[in-house]
Amino acid sequence: MKLIKTSILVLVVTLLSLTDTNAQHTSFTFTYNMAQPTGESHEWIGKFSPRGFSAEYEIYLNDNLSMGASIGWQVFYRKITGES
């Protein structure tokens, strides 16, 4: 049930962030990110992580050229007990 609620939230946020860039001079997008560790990370943390976000800002200089910046953050969590 939690996965269904998360999927619906992701779908709503995605639909809200869709923009028609032809009529705009700037664009700002905020997204909710989920991740699955792979490679060596998967050996240490095997669980899926729904904790992440990213933000992007873009300026359209003309019809064929834009400039922007993007930043993101993702967390993988593993509870360790009994270690000192």
Protein backbone atom coordinates (compact mmCIF):
# COMPACT_ATOMS: atom_id res chain seq x y z
CA MET A 1 0.00 0.00 0.00
CA LYS A 2 2.86 2.36 0.82
CA LEU A 3 4.40 1.71 -2.61
CA ILE A 4 1.11 2.57 -4.32
CA LYS A 5 0.83 5.85 -2.39
CA THR A 6 4.45 6.70 -3.23
CA SER A 7 3.88 5.89 -6.91
CA ILE A 8 0.80 8.11 -7.03
CA LEU A 9 2.73 10.94 -5.36
CA VAL A 10 5.57 10.59 -7.89
CA LEU A 11 3.07 10.63 -10.77
CA VAL A 12 1.35 13.79 -9.46
CA VAL A 13 4.66 15.61 -8.91
CA THR A 14 5.83 14.59 -12.39
CA LEU A 15 2.66 15.84 -14.03
CA LEU A 16 2.86 19.13 -12.13
CA SER A 17 6.46 19.67 -13.21
CA LEU A 18 5.75 19.28 -16.95
CA THR A 19 6.05 22.66 -18.65
CA ASP A 20 5.74 24.05 -22.14
CA THR A 21 9.22 25.50 -22.61
CA ASN A 22 8.50 27.20 -25.95
CA ALA A 23 6.72 30.14 -24.31
CA GLN A 24 9.00 30.53 -21.28
CA HIS A 25 12.36 32.15 -20.72
CA THR A 26 13.16 30.23 -17.51
CA SER A 27 12.22 26.90 -15.99
CA PHE A 28 12.42 25.45 -12.47
CA THR A 29 11.85 21.77 -11.75
CA PHE A 30 11.77 19.97 -8.41
CA THR A 31 11.63 16.15 -8.44
CA TYR A 32 11.33 13.36 -5.90
CA ASN A 33 13.92 10.61 -6.53
CA MET A 34 14.04 6.94 -5.65
CA ALA A 35 17.07 4.68 -6.12
CA GLN A 36 18.22 1.07 -6.03
CA PRO A 37 21.87 0.50 -5.08
CA THR A 38 23.95 -1.46 -7.58
CA GLY A 39 27.51 -2.74 -7.81
CA GLU A 40 29.54 -2.52 -4.60
CA SER A 41 26.86 -0.38 -2.95
CA HIS A 42 24.38 -3.24 -3.35
CA GLU A 43 26.70 -5.56 -1.38
CA TRP A 44 26.60 -3.17 1.60
CA ILE A 45 23.02 -1.85 1.29
CA GLY A 46 20.64 -4.09 -0.60
CA LYS A 47 17.43 -2.14 0.00
CA PHE A 48 15.60 0.30 -2.23
CA SER A 49 15.79 3.96 -1.08
CA PRO A 50 12.86 6.36 -1.50
CA ARG A 51 14.81 9.24 0.10
CA GLY A 52 15.99 11.73 -2.47
CA PHE A 53 15.25 14.90 -4.39
CA SER A 54 16.67 17.06 -7.12
CA ALA A 55 16.15 20.62 -8.31
CA GLU A 56 16.97 22.16 -11.67
CA TYR A 57 16.92 25.74 -12.95
CA GLU A 58 17.23 26.55 -16.62
CA ILE A 59 17.43 29.79 -18.62
CA TYR A 60 16.56 29.72 -22.31
CA LEU A 61 18.92 32.00 -24.24
CA ASN A 62 17.18 31.41 -27.59
CA ASP A 63 15.18 28.68 -29.34
CA ASN A 64 18.17 26.35 -29.62
CA LEU A 65 20.28 27.16 -26.56
CA SER A 66 19.75 27.03 -22.81
CA MET A 67 21.93 27.24 -19.72
CA GLY A 68 21.18 25.87 -16.28
CA ALA A 69 22.15 24.19 -13.05
CA SER A 70 21.04 21.02 -11.31
CA ILE A 71 21.54 19.71 -7.79
CA GLY A 72 20.41 16.44 -6.23
CA TRP A 73 20.56 14.47 -3.00
CA GLN A 74 20.00 10.75 -2.34
CA VAL A 75 20.29 8.78 0.91
CA PHE A 76 20.78 5.06 1.41
CA TYR A 77 20.07 3.87 4.95
CA ARG A 78 21.26 0.78 6.78
CA LYS A 79 20.65 0.22 10.47
CA ILE A 80 23.62 -1.40 12.20
CA THR A 81 23.19 -2.77 15.70
CA GLY A 82 25.60 -4.44 18.08
CA GLU A 83 28.79 -2.85 16.74
CA SER A 84 30.97 -0.54 18.81
